[in-house]
All heavy atoms as atom14 arrays in JSON, in Angstrom:
{
  "sequence": "SGTAFIVAAKRALGRAHTFTGQYMKQTQLVTHGVYAITRN",
  "atom14_mask": [
    [1, 1, 1, 1, 1, 1, 0, 0, 0, 0, 0, 0, 0, 0],
    [1, 1, 1, 1, 0, 0, 0, 0, 0, 0, 0, 0, 0, 0],
    [1, 1, 1, 1, 1, 1, 1, 0, 0, 0, 0, 0, 0, 0],
    [1, 1, 1, 1, 1, 0, 0, 0, 0, 0, 0, 0, 0, 0],
    [1, 1, 1, 1, 1, 1, 1, 1, 1, 1, 1, 0, 0, 0],
    [1, 1, 1, 1, 1, 1, 1, 1, 0, 0, 0, 0, 0, 0],
    [1, 1, 1, 1, 1, 1, 1, 0, 0, 0, 0, 0, 0, 0],
    [1, 1, 1, 1, 1, 0, 0, 0, 0, 0, 0, 0, 0, 0],
    [1, 1, 1, 1, 1, 0, 0, 0, 0, 0, 0, 0, 0, 0],
    [1, 1, 1, 1, 1, 1, 1, 1, 1, 0, 0, 0, 0, 0],
    [1, 1, 1, 1, 1, 1, 1, 1, 1, 1, 1, 0, 0, 0],
    [1, 1, 1, 1, 1, 0, 0, 0, 0, 0, 0, 0, 0, 0],
    [1, 1, 1, 1, 1, 1, 1, 1, 0, 0, 0, 0, 0, 0],
    [1, 1, 1, 1, 0, 0, 0, 0, 0, 0, 0, 0, 0, 0],
    [1, 1, 1, 1, 1, 1, 1, 1, 1, 1, 1, 0, 0, 0],
    [1, 1, 1, 1, 1, 0, 0, 0, 0, 0, 0, 0, 0, 0],
    [1, 1, 1, 1, 1, 1, 1, 1, 1, 1, 0, 0, 0, 0],
    [1, 1, 1, 1, 1, 1, 1, 0, 0, 0, 0, 0, 0, 0],
    [1, 1, 1, 1, 1, 1, 1, 1, 1, 1, 1, 0, 0, 0],
    [1, 1, 1, 1, 1, 1, 1, 0, 0, 0, 0, 0, 0, 0],
    [1, 1, 1, 1, 0, 0, 0, 0, 0, 0, 0, 0, 0, 0],
    [1, 1, 1, 1, 1, 1, 1, 1, 1, 0, 0, 0, 0, 0],
    [1, 1, 1, 1, 1, 1, 1, 1, 1, 1, 1, 1, 0, 0],
    [1, 1, 1, 1, 1, 1, 1, 1, 0, 0, 0, 0, 0, 0],
    [1, 1, 1, 1, 1, 1, 1, 1, 1, 0, 0, 0, 0, 0],
    [1, 1, 1, 1, 1, 1, 1, 1, 1, 0, 0, 0, 0, 0],
    [1, 1, 1, 1, 1, 1, 1, 0, 0, 0, 0, 0, 0, 0],
    [1, 1, 1, 1, 1, 1, 1, 1, 1, 0, 0, 0, 0, 0],
    [1, 1, 1, 1, 1, 1, 1, 1, 0, 0, 0, 0, 0, 0],
    [1, 1, 1, 1, 1, 1, 1, 0, 0, 0, 0, 0, 0, 0],
    [1, 1, 1, 1, 1, 1, 1, 0, 0, 0, 0, 0, 0, 0],
    [1, 1, 1, 1, 1, 1, 1, 1, 1, 1, 0, 0, 0, 0],
    [1, 1, 1, 1, 0, 0, 0, 0, 0, 0, 0, 0, 0, 0],
    [1, 1, 1, 1, 1, 1, 1, 0, 0, 0, 0, 0, 0, 0],
    [1, 1, 1, 1, 1, 1, 1, 1, 1, 1, 1, 1, 0, 0],
    [1, 1, 1, 1, 1, 0, 0, 0, 0, 0, 0, 0, 0, 0],
    [1, 1, 1, 1, 1, 1, 1, 1, 0, 0, 0, 0, 0, 0],
    [1, 1, 1, 1, 1, 1, 1, 0, 0, 0, 0, 0, 0, 0],
    [1, 1, 1, 1, 1, 1, 1, 1, 1, 1, 1, 0, 0, 0],
    [1, 1, 1, 1, 1, 1, 1, 1, 0, 0, 0, 0, 0, 0]
  ],
  "atom14_positions": [
    [[-14.78, 0.39, -8.61], [-13.99, -0.77, -8.19], [-12.53, -0.38, -7.99], [-11.89, -0.75, -7.0], [-14.12, -1.88, -9.23], [-13.27, -2.96, -8.91], [0.0, 0.0, 0.0], [0.0, 0.0, 0.0], [0.0, 0.0, 0.0], [0.0, 0.0, 0.0], [0.0, 0.0, 0.0], [0.0, 0.0, 0.0], [0.0, 0.0, 0.0], [0.0, 0.0, 0.0]],
    [[-11.99, 0.39, -8.93], [-10.61, 0.83, -8.81], [-10.39, 1.72, -7.6], [-9.4, 1.59, -6.88], [0.0, 0.0, 0.0], [0.0, 0.0, 0.0], [0.0, 0.0, 0.0], [0.0, 0.0, 0.0], [0.0, 0.0, 0.0], [0.0, 0.0, 0.0], [0.0, 0.0, 0.0], [0.0, 0.0, 0.0], [0.0, 0.0, 0.0], [0.0, 0.0, 0.0]],
    [[-11.34, 2.61, -7.35], [-11.23, 3.5, -6.19], [-11.28, 2.7, -4.9], [-10.56, 3.0, -3.95], [-12.35, 4.56, -6.23], [-12.23, 5.31, -7.44], [-12.23, 5.51, -5.05], [0.0, 0.0, 0.0], [0.0, 0.0, 0.0], [0.0, 0.0, 0.0], [0.0, 0.0, 0.0], [0.0, 0.0, 0.0], [0.0, 0.0, 0.0], [0.0, 0.0, 0.0]],
    [[-12.1, 1.66, -4.86], [-12.17, 0.8, -3.67], [-10.82, 0.13, -3.42], [-10.36, 0.06, -2.27], [-13.27, -0.24, -3.84], [0.0, 0.0, 0.0], [0.0, 0.0, 0.0], [0.0, 0.0, 0.0], [0.0, 0.0, 0.0], [0.0, 0.0, 0.0], [0.0, 0.0, 0.0], [0.0, 0.0, 0.0], [0.0, 0.0, 0.0], [0.0, 0.0, 0.0]],
    [[-10.16, -0.34, -4.48], [-8.83, -0.94, -4.33], [-7.83, 0.09, -3.82], [-7.0, -0.2, -2.95], [-8.34, -1.53, -5.66], [-8.58, -3.0, -5.79], [-9.75, -3.47, -6.35], [-7.64, -3.92, -5.36], [-9.98, -4.82, -6.48], [-7.85, -5.27, -5.48], [-9.03, -5.73, -6.04], [0.0, 0.0, 0.0], [0.0, 0.0, 0.0], [0.0, 0.0, 0.0]],
    [[-7.89, 1.3, -4.36], [-6.95, 2.35, -3.95], [-7.14, 2.71, -2.48], [-6.17, 2.82, -1.72], [-7.11, 3.59, -4.85], [-6.61, 3.27, -6.26], [-6.38, 4.8, -4.28], [-7.01, 4.3, -7.3], [0.0, 0.0, 0.0], [0.0, 0.0, 0.0], [0.0, 0.0, 0.0], [0.0, 0.0, 0.0], [0.0, 0.0, 0.0], [0.0, 0.0, 0.0]],
    [[-8.38, 2.89, -2.06], [-8.66, 3.23, -0.66], [-8.19, 2.1, 0.26], [-7.53, 2.36, 1.28], [-10.16, 3.54, -0.47], [-10.51, 3.65, 1.0], [-10.53, 4.83, -1.2], [0.0, 0.0, 0.0], [0.0, 0.0, 0.0], [0.0, 0.0, 0.0], [0.0, 0.0, 0.0], [0.0, 0.0, 0.0], [0.0, 0.0, 0.0], [0.0, 0.0, 0.0]],
    [[-8.51, 0.86, -0.1], [-8.1, -0.27, 0.73], [-6.58, -0.39, 0.8], [-6.01, -0.64, 1.87], [-8.71, -1.56, 0.19], [0.0, 0.0, 0.0], [0.0, 0.0, 0.0], [0.0, 0.0, 0.0], [0.0, 0.0, 0.0], [0.0, 0.0, 0.0], [0.0, 0.0, 0.0], [0.0, 0.0, 0.0], [0.0, 0.0, 0.0], [0.0, 0.0, 0.0]],
    [[-5.91, -0.18, -0.33], [-4.45, -0.27, -0.36], [-3.81, 0.83, 0.47], [-2.88, 0.58, 1.25], [-3.95, -0.21, -1.8], [0.0, 0.0, 0.0], [0.0, 0.0, 0.0], [0.0, 0.0, 0.0], [0.0, 0.0, 0.0], [0.0, 0.0, 0.0], [0.0, 0.0, 0.0], [0.0, 0.0, 0.0], [0.0, 0.0, 0.0], [0.0, 0.0, 0.0]],
    [[-4.29, 2.04, 0.32], [-3.71, 3.16, 1.07], [-3.92, 2.98, 2.57], [-3.02, 3.25, 3.37], [-4.35, 4.47, 0.59], [-3.85, 5.69, 1.31], [-2.4, 5.98, 0.97], [-1.79, 7.04, 1.82], [-2.32, 8.3, 1.84], [0.0, 0.0, 0.0], [0.0, 0.0, 0.0], [0.0, 0.0, 0.0], [0.0, 0.0, 0.0], [0.0, 0.0, 0.0]],
    [[-5.08, 2.49, 2.95], [-5.34, 2.26, 4.37], [-4.44, 1.14, 4.91], [-3.96, 1.22, 6.04], [-6.8, 1.98, 4.6], [-7.67, 3.21, 4.35], [-9.14, 2.94, 4.56], [-9.46, 2.54, 5.92], [-9.7, 3.38, 6.93], [-9.64, 4.67, 6.72], [-9.99, 2.93, 8.12], [0.0, 0.0, 0.0], [0.0, 0.0, 0.0], [0.0, 0.0, 0.0]],
    [[-4.2, 0.1, 4.11], [-3.33, -0.99, 4.55], [-1.87, -0.52, 4.64], [-1.15, -0.92, 5.55], [-3.44, -2.17, 3.59], [0.0, 0.0, 0.0], [0.0, 0.0, 0.0], [0.0, 0.0, 0.0], [0.0, 0.0, 0.0], [0.0, 0.0, 0.0], [0.0, 0.0, 0.0], [0.0, 0.0, 0.0], [0.0, 0.0, 0.0], [0.0, 0.0, 0.0]],
    [[-1.46, 0.34, 3.72], [-0.08, 0.84, 3.74], [0.18, 1.8, 4.9], [1.26, 1.8, 5.47], [0.24, 1.56, 2.43], [0.66, 0.69, 1.26], [0.83, 1.55, 0.02], [1.94, -0.06, 1.55], [0.0, 0.0, 0.0], [0.0, 0.0, 0.0], [0.0, 0.0, 0.0], [0.0, 0.0, 0.0], [0.0, 0.0, 0.0], [0.0, 0.0, 0.0]],
    [[-0.82, 2.62, 5.18], [-0.63, 3.6, 6.26], [0.53, 4.52, 5.99], [0.67, 5.11, 4.92], [0.0, 0.0, 0.0], [0.0, 0.0, 0.0], [0.0, 0.0, 0.0], [0.0, 0.0, 0.0], [0.0, 0.0, 0.0], [0.0, 0.0, 0.0], [0.0, 0.0, 0.0], [0.0, 0.0, 0.0], [0.0, 0.0, 0.0], [0.0, 0.0, 0.0]],
    [[1.44, 4.62, 6.94], [2.57, 5.53, 6.82], [3.59, 5.06, 5.79], [4.42, 5.84, 5.31], [3.23, 5.67, 8.19], [4.24, 6.79, 8.23], [4.94, 6.91, 9.54], [6.38, 6.88, 9.52], [7.19, 7.46, 8.66], [6.7, 8.1, 7.65], [8.49, 7.39, 8.76], [0.0, 0.0, 0.0], [0.0, 0.0, 0.0], [0.0, 0.0, 0.0]],
    [[3.57, 3.81, 5.39], [4.54, 3.28, 4.44], [4.29, 3.78, 3.02], [5.14, 3.61, 2.15], [4.51, 1.75, 4.46], [0.0, 0.0, 0.0], [0.0, 0.0, 0.0], [0.0, 0.0, 0.0], [0.0, 0.0, 0.0], [0.0, 0.0, 0.0], [0.0, 0.0, 0.0], [0.0, 0.0, 0.0], [0.0, 0.0, 0.0], [0.0, 0.0, 0.0]],
    [[3.16, 4.42, 2.75], [2.84, 4.88, 1.4], [3.67, 6.1, 1.03], [3.81, 7.03, 1.82], [1.35, 5.23, 1.3], [0.97, 5.77, -0.05], [0.89, 7.12, -0.3], [0.68, 5.15, -1.21], [0.55, 7.3, -1.56], [0.41, 6.12, -2.13], [0.0, 0.0, 0.0], [0.0, 0.0, 0.0], [0.0, 0.0, 0.0], [0.0, 0.0, 0.0]],
    [[4.25, 6.08, -0.16], [4.94, 7.25, -0.7], [4.41, 7.51, -2.1], [3.8, 6.65, -2.72], [6.46, 7.03, -0.79], [6.72, 5.9, -1.62], [7.08, 6.83, 0.57], [0.0, 0.0, 0.0], [0.0, 0.0, 0.0], [0.0, 0.0, 0.0], [0.0, 0.0, 0.0], [0.0, 0.0, 0.0], [0.0, 0.0, 0.0], [0.0, 0.0, 0.0]],
    [[4.64, 8.71, -2.58], [4.24, 9.06, -3.94], [5.29, 8.55, -4.92], [6.44, 8.32, -4.55], [4.06, 10.58, -4.07], [3.45, 10.99, -5.37], [2.11, 10.79, -5.62], [4.22, 11.55, -6.38], [1.54, 11.14, -6.82], [3.67, 11.91, -7.59], [2.32, 11.7, -7.8], [0.0, 0.0, 0.0], [0.0, 0.0, 0.0], [0.0, 0.0, 0.0]],
    [[4.92, 8.4, -6.17], [5.84, 7.95, -7.2], [7.12, 8.78, -7.2], [7.06, 10.0, -7.13], [5.16, 8.05, -8.58], [3.99, 7.25, -8.56], [6.07, 7.58, -9.68], [0.0, 0.0, 0.0], [0.0, 0.0, 0.0], [0.0, 0.0, 0.0], [0.0, 0.0, 0.0], [0.0, 0.0, 0.0], [0.0, 0.0, 0.0], [0.0, 0.0, 0.0]],
    [[8.23, 8.1, -7.26], [9.52, 8.79, -7.28], [10.16, 8.92, -5.92], [11.24, 9.49, -5.79], [0.0, 0.0, 0.0], [0.0, 0.0, 0.0], [0.0, 0.0, 0.0], [0.0, 0.0, 0.0], [0.0, 0.0, 0.0], [0.0, 0.0, 0.0], [0.0, 0.0, 0.0], [0.0, 0.0, 0.0], [0.0, 0.0, 0.0], [0.0, 0.0, 0.0]],
    [[9.51, 8.36, -4.9], [10.05, 8.42, -3.54], [10.04, 7.01, -2.94], [9.3, 6.14, -3.39], [9.22, 9.34, -2.66], [9.15, 10.76, -3.15], [8.14, 11.57, -2.36], [7.53, 11.1, -1.42], [7.95, 12.81, -2.77], [0.0, 0.0, 0.0], [0.0, 0.0, 0.0], [0.0, 0.0, 0.0], [0.0, 0.0, 0.0], [0.0, 0.0, 0.0]],
    [[10.86, 6.82, -1.92], [10.84, 5.57, -1.17], [11.16, 5.88, 0.29], [11.71, 6.93, 0.61], [11.83, 4.56, -1.75], [13.28, 4.96, -1.59], [14.04, 4.51, -0.52], [13.9, 5.8, -2.52], [15.35, 4.88, -0.37], [15.21, 6.18, -2.37], [15.94, 5.71, -1.3], [17.25, 6.09, -1.14], [0.0, 0.0, 0.0], [0.0, 0.0, 0.0]],
    [[10.81, 4.97, 1.16], [11.08, 5.14, 2.59], [12.42, 4.5, 2.94], [12.74, 3.43, 2.44], [9.97, 4.49, 3.43], [8.59, 5.08, 3.2], [8.46, 6.81, 3.65], [8.48, 6.71, 5.42], [0.0, 0.0, 0.0], [0.0, 0.0, 0.0], [0.0, 0.0, 0.0], [0.0, 0.0, 0.0], [0.0, 0.0, 0.0], [0.0, 0.0, 0.0]],
    [[13.19, 5.16, 3.81], [14.47, 4.59, 4.26], [14.22, 3.3, 5.03], [14.91, 2.31, 4.85], [15.21, 5.59, 5.14], [15.81, 6.73, 4.4], [16.55, 7.65, 5.35], [17.06, 8.87, 4.63], [17.72, 9.82, 5.54], [0.0, 0.0, 0.0], [0.0, 0.0, 0.0], [0.0, 0.0, 0.0], [0.0, 0.0, 0.0], [0.0, 0.0, 0.0]],
    [[13.23, 3.33, 5.9], [12.87, 2.16, 6.68], [11.71, 1.46, 5.98], [10.57, 1.88, 6.1], [12.45, 2.57, 8.1], [13.52, 3.27, 8.9], [14.66, 2.33, 9.24], [14.47, 1.15, 9.48], [15.87, 2.87, 9.24], [0.0, 0.0, 0.0], [0.0, 0.0, 0.0], [0.0, 0.0, 0.0], [0.0, 0.0, 0.0], [0.0, 0.0, 0.0]],
    [[12.0, 0.41, 5.23], [10.96, -0.28, 4.48], [10.22, -1.28, 5.36], [10.73, -1.72, 6.39], [11.55, -1.01, 3.26], [12.49, -1.95, 3.72], [12.18, -0.02, 2.31], [0.0, 0.0, 0.0], [0.0, 0.0, 0.0], [0.0, 0.0, 0.0], [0.0, 0.0, 0.0], [0.0, 0.0, 0.0], [0.0, 0.0, 0.0], [0.0, 0.0, 0.0]],
    [[9.03, -1.62, 4.91], [8.19, -2.56, 5.64], [7.31, -3.27, 4.62], [6.64, -2.61, 3.82], [7.34, -1.78, 6.65], [6.27, -2.57, 7.31], [5.39, -1.66, 8.17], [5.72, -0.52, 8.45], [4.27, -2.18, 8.58], [0.0, 0.0, 0.0], [0.0, 0.0, 0.0], [0.0, 0.0, 0.0], [0.0, 0.0, 0.0], [0.0, 0.0, 0.0]],
    [[7.33, -4.58, 4.62], [6.5, -5.35, 3.7], [5.09, -5.47, 4.3], [4.92, -5.96, 5.41], [7.09, -6.73, 3.46], [6.32, -7.62, 2.48], [6.29, -6.97, 1.09], [6.94, -8.99, 2.41], [0.0, 0.0, 0.0], [0.0, 0.0, 0.0], [0.0, 0.0, 0.0], [0.0, 0.0, 0.0], [0.0, 0.0, 0.0], [0.0, 0.0, 0.0]],
    [[4.1, -5.01, 3.55], [2.71, -5.09, 4.0], [2.08, -6.31, 3.34], [2.09, -6.43, 2.12], [1.94, -3.8, 3.62], [0.49, -3.89, 4.02], [2.6, -2.59, 4.26], [0.0, 0.0, 0.0], [0.0, 0.0, 0.0], [0.0, 0.0, 0.0], [0.0, 0.0, 0.0], [0.0, 0.0, 0.0], [0.0, 0.0, 0.0], [0.0, 0.0, 0.0]],
    [[1.54, -7.21, 4.16], [0.95, -8.44, 3.63], [-0.49, -8.64, 4.1], [-1.07, -9.68, 3.83], [1.78, -9.67, 4.06], [1.85, -9.71, 5.49], [3.18, -9.61, 3.47], [0.0, 0.0, 0.0], [0.0, 0.0, 0.0], [0.0, 0.0, 0.0], [0.0, 0.0, 0.0], [0.0, 0.0, 0.0], [0.0, 0.0, 0.0], [0.0, 0.0, 0.0]],
    [[-1.06, -7.67, 4.76], [-2.44, -7.81, 5.23], [-3.38, -6.98, 4.36], [-2.95, -6.21, 3.5], [-2.55, -7.4, 6.7], [-2.19, -5.96, 6.94], [-0.88, -5.53, 7.04], [-2.96, -4.86, 7.07], [-0.86, -4.22, 7.23], [-2.11, -3.78, 7.25], [0.0, 0.0, 0.0], [0.0, 0.0, 0.0], [0.0, 0.0, 0.0], [0.0, 0.0, 0.0]],
    [[-4.66, -7.15, 4.58], [-5.66, -6.4, 3.83], [-5.65, -6.79, 2.37], [-5.48, -7.96, 2.01], [0.0, 0.0, 0.0], [0.0, 0.0, 0.0], [0.0, 0.0, 0.0], [0.0, 0.0, 0.0], [0.0, 0.0, 0.0], [0.0, 0.0, 0.0], [0.0, 0.0, 0.0], [0.0, 0.0, 0.0], [0.0, 0.0, 0.0], [0.0, 0.0, 0.0]],
    [[-5.79, -5.81, 1.51], [-5.84, -6.07, 0.07], [-4.49, -6.56, -0.46], [-4.42, -7.2, -1.5], [-6.33, -4.8, -0.68], [-5.29, -3.72, -0.7], [-6.8, -5.14, -2.07], [0.0, 0.0, 0.0], [0.0, 0.0, 0.0], [0.0, 0.0, 0.0], [0.0, 0.0, 0.0], [0.0, 0.0, 0.0], [0.0, 0.0, 0.0], [0.0, 0.0, 0.0]],
    [[-3.42, -6.32, 0.29], [-2.1, -6.82, -0.11], [-1.98, -8.34, 0.06], [-1.05, -8.95, -0.44], [-0.98, -6.11, 0.66], [-0.73, -4.74, 0.1], [-1.43, -3.64, 0.57], [0.19, -4.55, -0.92], [-1.22, -2.38, 0.03], [0.41, -3.3, -1.46], [-0.3, -2.23, -0.98], [-0.1, -0.99, -1.52], [0.0, 0.0, 0.0], [0.0, 0.0, 0.0]],
    [[-2.92, -8.96, 0.75], [-2.97, -10.42, 0.81], [-3.53, -11.0, -0.49], [-3.33, -12.17, -0.79], [-3.81, -10.87, 2.0], [0.0, 0.0, 0.0], [0.0, 0.0, 0.0], [0.0, 0.0, 0.0], [0.0, 0.0, 0.0], [0.0, 0.0, 0.0], [0.0, 0.0, 0.0], [0.0, 0.0, 0.0], [0.0, 0.0, 0.0], [0.0, 0.0, 0.0]],
    [[-4.22, -10.16, -1.27], [-4.83, -10.59, -2.54], [-3.88, -10.33, -3.7], [-3.7, -11.17, -4.57], [-6.16, -9.85, -2.78], [-7.14, -10.15, -1.66], [-6.75, -10.21, -4.13], [-8.37, -9.26, -1.67], [0.0, 0.0, 0.0], [0.0, 0.0, 0.0], [0.0, 0.0, 0.0], [0.0, 0.0, 0.0], [0.0, 0.0, 0.0], [0.0, 0.0, 0.0]],
    [[-3.28, -9.15, -3.74], [-2.38, -8.76, -4.82], [-1.25, -7.9, -4.26], [-1.45, -7.16, -3.3], [-3.12, -8.0, -5.94], [-2.18, -7.58, -6.92], [-3.87, -6.78, -5.42], [0.0, 0.0, 0.0], [0.0, 0.0, 0.0], [0.0, 0.0, 0.0], [0.0, 0.0, 0.0], [0.0, 0.0, 0.0], [0.0, 0.0, 0.0], [0.0, 0.0, 0.0]],
    [[-0.08, -8.0, -4.85], [1.05, -7.21, -4.38], [1.0, -5.77, -4.9], [1.75, -4.92, -4.44], [2.39, -7.84, -4.85], [2.72, -9.12, -4.19], [2.83, -9.1, -2.67], [3.51, -7.95, -2.12], [3.18, -7.37, -0.95], [2.17, -7.82, -0.24], [3.83, -6.34, -0.51], [0.0, 0.0, 0.0], [0.0, 0.0, 0.0], [0.0, 0.0, 0.0]],
    [[0.16, -5.49, -5.88], [0.11, -4.15, -6.47], [-1.31, -3.61, -6.55], [-1.78, -3.26, -7.64], [0.73, -4.18, -7.88], [2.19, -4.54, -7.84], [2.98, -3.84, -7.24], [2.54, -5.65, -8.47], [0.0, 0.0, 0.0], [0.0, 0.0, 0.0], [0.0, 0.0, 0.0], [0.0, 0.0, 0.0], [0.0, 0.0, 0.0], [0.0, 0.0, 0.0]]
  ]
}
């Protein structure tokens, strides 16, 4: 179940995904896919 959430979240984030300790200069709020259910 956790892996399914991770895969769905990563696919919804696409290029906006960064690893812990990093952030993107050009931010984008993702509200579709699994992000419509939970913000995290």
